[in-house]
């Protein structure tokens, strides 16, 4: 089982002068679910190398069992520090793709031609596409035969109320909930910050950081989980 994890390379939170990037838990929770299931993992980002970490995801109240495991895991930290360039990967080489969130993807991956083409290639090959929190925003420009990929599909992602709660509604380039609805997605959500994931065909989306593990488990189930080994 070969899985591709695509992370952001964007580190600027709009014009605020503050930093952003990927959200640590949204990477570590799925990473270890996949790794412990025997998956072979490749990490990629638009620029390659070390993806920027949202500093808020390193604060004490954002830590989890998997973030603690990651901080002690030299191999995982080395893998993250040396992501391959997104332009150098092909859907042909993987069984599925997963996008962790954080605000960074709204600026780069949502507009990245390589990312868009990659998702379209996974979809046309009938391979699972999964994303959590802000990362469903990377689907905004993905078209299948001229139609938005999310049209008429059940989806979720970081809600408007959650964005408002973190005070970034007027900072982000677009709101994930609004964008999914605009493109014809059948958007649903749970209460703010509660785990919630939706599967529709080969598309798996999760609402927020707490949904990361749920999305990963859904993806593994779709792929046959532990029945598939390296």
Protein backbone atom coordinates (compact mmCIF):
# COMPACT_ATOMS: atom_id res chain seq x y z
CA UNK A 1 0.00 0.00 0.00
CA UNK A 2 1.65 3.17 -1.22
CA UNK A 3 0.23 6.47 0.00
CA UNK A 4 1.09 10.03 -0.95
CA UNK A 5 0.78 12.81 1.64
CA UNK A 6 0.77 16.32 0.18
CA UNK A 7 1.66 19.26 2.43
CA UNK A 8 1.68 23.01 1.93
CA UNK A 9 4.78 25.13 1.28
CA UNK A 10 3.04 28.42 2.18
CA UNK A 11 3.98 30.13 5.44
CA UNK A 12 2.41 33.63 5.36
CA UNK A 13 -0.97 34.26 6.98
CA UNK A 14 -2.24 36.78 4.47
CA UNK A 15 -1.02 40.32 5.21
CA UNK A 16 -1.01 39.84 8.98
CA UNK A 17 2.75 39.41 9.25
CA UNK A 18 2.09 36.14 11.09
CA UNK A 19 3.15 32.66 10.07
CA UNK A 20 1.02 29.72 8.98
CA UNK A 21 1.59 26.36 7.31
CA UNK A 22 0.31 22.85 7.95
CA UNK A 23 -1.37 21.80 11.20
CA UNK A 24 0.77 19.29 13.08
CA UNK A 25 -1.99 16.98 14.38
CA UNK A 26 -3.53 16.77 10.92
CA UNK A 27 -0.25 15.33 9.68
CA UNK A 28 0.80 13.17 12.63
CA UNK A 29 -2.51 11.43 13.35
CA UNK A 30 -2.92 10.11 9.78
CA UNK A 31 0.82 9.54 9.36
CA UNK A 32 0.92 7.06 12.22
CA UNK A 33 -2.40 5.44 11.27
CA UNK A 34 -0.95 4.79 7.83
CA UNK A 35 2.49 3.77 9.07
CA UNK A 36 1.14 1.36 11.69
CA UNK A 37 -1.05 -0.24 8.99
CA UNK A 38 2.07 -1.06 6.99
CA UNK A 39 1.78 1.64 4.35
CA UNK A 40 4.75 2.94 2.40
CA UNK A 41 4.58 6.72 2.67
CA UNK A 42 5.87 9.47 0.40
CA UNK A 43 5.65 13.10 1.53
CA UNK A 44 5.47 15.88 -1.03
CA UNK A 45 5.03 19.65 -1.13
CA UNK A 46 5.09 22.31 -3.87
CA UNK A 47 8.62 23.47 -3.04
CA UNK A 48 9.98 20.23 -1.58
CA UNK A 49 12.06 20.12 1.59
CA UNK A 50 10.71 21.14 4.98
CA UNK A 51 7.07 22.29 4.90
CA UNK A 52 6.26 25.23 7.19
CA UNK A 53 4.50 24.33 10.42
CA UNK A 54 1.70 26.53 11.71
CA UNK A 55 3.21 27.75 15.00
CA UNK A 56 -0.15 27.58 16.74
CA UNK A 57 -0.21 23.83 16.20
CA UNK A 58 2.90 23.56 18.38
CA UNK A 59 1.24 25.24 21.35
CA UNK A 60 0.60 23.05 24.42
CA UNK A 61 -3.17 22.87 24.00
CA UNK A 62 -2.77 21.53 20.45
CA UNK A 63 -0.62 18.56 21.42
CA UNK A 64 -1.83 14.97 21.18
CA UNK A 65 -0.47 11.47 21.59
CA UNK A 66 0.63 11.43 17.95
CA UNK A 67 2.35 14.83 18.06
CA UNK A 68 4.28 13.64 21.11
CA UNK A 69 5.25 10.48 19.24
CA UNK A 70 6.37 12.56 16.26
CA UNK A 71 8.67 14.75 18.37
CA UNK A 72 10.52 11.62 19.52
CA UNK A 73 10.61 10.04 16.06
CA UNK A 74 13.80 10.96 14.22
CA UNK A 75 12.82 9.00 11.12
CA UNK A 76 9.48 10.80 10.79
CA UNK A 77 11.07 14.20 11.34
CA UNK A 78 13.68 13.46 8.70
CA UNK A 79 10.99 12.37 6.25
CA UNK A 80 9.09 15.60 6.85
CA UNK A 81 12.25 17.68 6.42
CA UNK A 82 12.88 16.15 3.00
CA UNK A 83 9.55 16.17 1.17
CA UNK A 84 9.83 15.65 -2.56
CA UNK A 85 8.65 18.29 -5.00
CA UNK A 86 5.02 17.90 -5.97
CA UNK A 87 5.93 18.28 -9.63
CA UNK A 88 8.00 15.09 -9.38
CA UNK A 89 5.28 12.71 -8.21
CA UNK A 90 2.73 10.77 -10.25
CA UNK A 91 -0.61 9.29 -9.29
CA UNK A 92 0.49 6.15 -11.13
CA UNK A 93 2.90 5.34 -8.30
CA UNK A 94 0.38 5.44 -5.42
CA UNK A 95 -2.82 3.83 -4.24
CA UNK A 96 -4.30 7.01 -2.70
CA UNK A 97 -3.52 10.60 -1.74
CA UNK A 98 -4.08 12.46 1.53
CA UNK A 99 -3.91 16.21 2.17
CA UNK A 100 -3.44 17.51 5.74
CA UNK A 101 -4.82 20.96 6.45
CA UNK A 102 -3.68 24.08 8.21
CA UNK A 103 -4.32 27.44 6.58
CA UNK A 104 -1.34 27.19 4.23
CA UNK A 105 -3.07 25.05 1.56
CA UNK A 106 -5.65 27.79 0.95
CA UNK A 107 -2.93 29.96 -0.58
CA UNK A 108 -0.75 27.49 -2.49
CA UNK A 109 -2.23 24.02 -2.99
CA UNK A 110 -5.69 25.33 -3.86
CA UNK A 111 -4.14 27.16 -6.83
CA UNK A 112 -1.26 24.81 -7.63
CA UNK A 113 -1.50 23.37 -11.14
CA UNK A 114 0.49 20.28 -10.18
CA UNK A 115 -1.83 19.58 -7.26
CA UNK A 116 -4.94 20.06 -9.38
CA UNK A 117 -3.62 17.74 -12.09
CA UNK A 118 -2.54 15.19 -9.50
CA UNK A 119 -5.98 15.01 -7.89
CA UNK A 120 -7.62 14.75 -11.29
CA UNK A 121 -5.27 11.88 -12.16
CA UNK A 122 -6.04 10.02 -8.93
CA UNK A 123 -9.75 10.47 -9.53
CA UNK A 124 -9.70 9.33 -13.14
CA UNK A 125 -7.73 6.25 -12.04
CA UNK A 126 -10.46 5.48 -9.47
CA UNK A 127 -8.05 5.97 -6.58
CA UNK A 128 -9.11 7.55 -3.26
CA UNK A 129 -8.65 11.26 -2.64
CA UNK A 130 -8.74 12.40 1.00
CA UNK A 131 -8.33 15.72 2.80
CA UNK A 132 -9.00 17.16 6.24
CA UNK A 133 -9.90 20.55 7.77
CA UNK A 134 -8.77 23.34 5.40
CA UNK A 135 -7.35 20.86 2.89
CA UNK A 136 -10.70 20.15 1.17
CA UNK A 137 -10.12 23.66 -0.15
CA UNK A 138 -7.52 22.14 -2.51
CA UNK A 139 -10.45 20.72 -4.47
CA UNK A 140 -11.77 24.13 -5.52
CA UNK A 141 -10.21 24.09 -9.01
CA UNK A 142 -10.34 20.35 -9.61
CA UNK A 143 -12.53 19.53 -12.60
CA UNK A 144 -13.57 16.17 -13.96
CA UNK A 145 -14.73 16.49 -17.56
CA UNK A 146 -15.36 20.18 -16.97
CA UNK A 147 -17.41 19.68 -13.79
CA UNK A 148 -16.17 20.44 -10.25
CA UNK A 149 -15.11 17.19 -8.60
CA UNK A 150 -17.19 17.96 -5.51
CA UNK A 151 -20.44 18.66 -7.41
CA UNK A 152 -23.30 16.56 -5.99
CA UNK A 153 -20.92 14.79 -3.62
CA UNK A 154 -21.23 14.68 0.16
CA UNK A 155 -18.35 16.67 1.61
CA UNK A 156 -17.18 18.45 4.71
CA UNK A 157 -14.31 20.74 5.70
CA UNK A 158 -13.44 23.52 8.12
CA UNK A 159 -16.72 25.27 8.84
CA UNK A 160 -17.46 28.98 8.64
CA UNK A 161 -18.25 28.99 12.35
CA UNK A 162 -14.88 27.42 13.16
CA UNK A 163 -13.08 29.95 10.95
CA UNK A 164 -14.94 32.71 12.74
CA UNK A 165 -13.96 31.22 16.11
CA UNK A 166 -10.25 31.47 15.24
CA UNK A 167 -10.71 35.02 13.99
CA UNK A 168 -9.54 34.48 10.42
CA UNK A 169 -12.72 34.86 8.37
CA UNK A 170 -11.50 38.13 6.86
CA UNK A 171 -7.89 36.94 6.44
CA UNK A 172 -8.19 33.72 4.45
CA UNK A 173 -8.47 33.92 0.64
CA UNK A 174 -11.71 31.92 0.75
CA UNK A 175 -13.87 30.01 3.22
CA UNK A 176 -13.74 26.25 2.79
CA UNK A 177 -17.42 25.70 3.59
CA UNK A 178 -18.52 28.41 1.15
CA UNK A 179 -16.23 27.16 -1.62
CA UNK A 180 -17.42 23.56 -1.34
CA UNK A 181 -21.04 24.72 -1.52
CA UNK A 182 -20.29 27.09 -4.41
CA UNK A 183 -18.90 24.21 -6.42
CA UNK A 184 -22.02 22.14 -5.86
CA UNK A 185 -20.87 20.02 -2.94
CA UNK A 186 -23.45 18.64 -0.51
CA UNK A 187 -21.76 20.13 2.54
CA UNK A 188 -22.49 18.96 6.07
CA UNK A 189 -20.80 19.45 9.43
CA UNK A 190 -20.86 18.45 13.06
CA UNK A 191 -20.64 20.77 16.05
CA UNK A 192 -17.49 22.90 16.04
CA UNK A 193 -14.31 20.97 16.87
CA UNK A 194 -16.04 17.58 16.99
CA UNK A 195 -14.66 14.70 14.88
CA UNK A 196 -16.59 14.40 11.63
CA UNK A 197 -15.71 12.78 8.31
CA UNK A 198 -17.71 12.06 5.18
CA UNK A 199 -17.11 9.42 2.53
CA UNK A 200 -18.71 9.65 -0.90
CA UNK A 201 -17.38 7.13 -3.36
CA UNK A 202 -13.61 7.53 -3.46
CA UNK A 203 -13.71 10.99 -1.83
CA UNK A 204 -13.06 11.29 1.92
CA UNK A 205 -13.16 14.65 3.71
CA UNK A 206 -12.88 15.64 7.37
CA UNK A 207 -14.06 18.78 9.12
CA UNK A 208 -11.31 19.83 11.53
CA UNK A 209 -8.12 18.69 13.30
CA UNK A 210 -10.05 16.27 15.51
CA UNK A 211 -11.27 14.52 12.34
CA UNK A 212 -7.79 13.63 11.07
CA UNK A 213 -7.63 10.13 12.52
CA UNK A 214 -11.18 9.39 11.36
CA UNK A 215 -10.30 10.34 7.79
CA UNK A 216 -7.18 8.17 7.90
CA UNK A 217 -9.12 5.20 9.21
CA UNK A 218 -11.76 5.65 6.50
CA UNK A 219 -9.04 5.68 3.85
CA UNK A 220 -7.41 2.54 5.21
CA UNK A 221 -10.78 0.80 5.31
CA UNK A 222 -11.36 1.78 1.70
CA UNK A 223 -8.00 0.33 0.73
CA UNK A 224 -8.44 -2.86 2.71
CA UNK A 225 -6.43 -1.66 5.71
CA UNK A 226 -4.15 -4.22 7.30
CA UNK A 227 -5.01 -6.73 4.59
CA UNK A 228 -2.56 -4.81 2.38
CA UNK A 229 1.08 -4.72 3.42
CA UNK A 230 4.23 -3.25 2.02
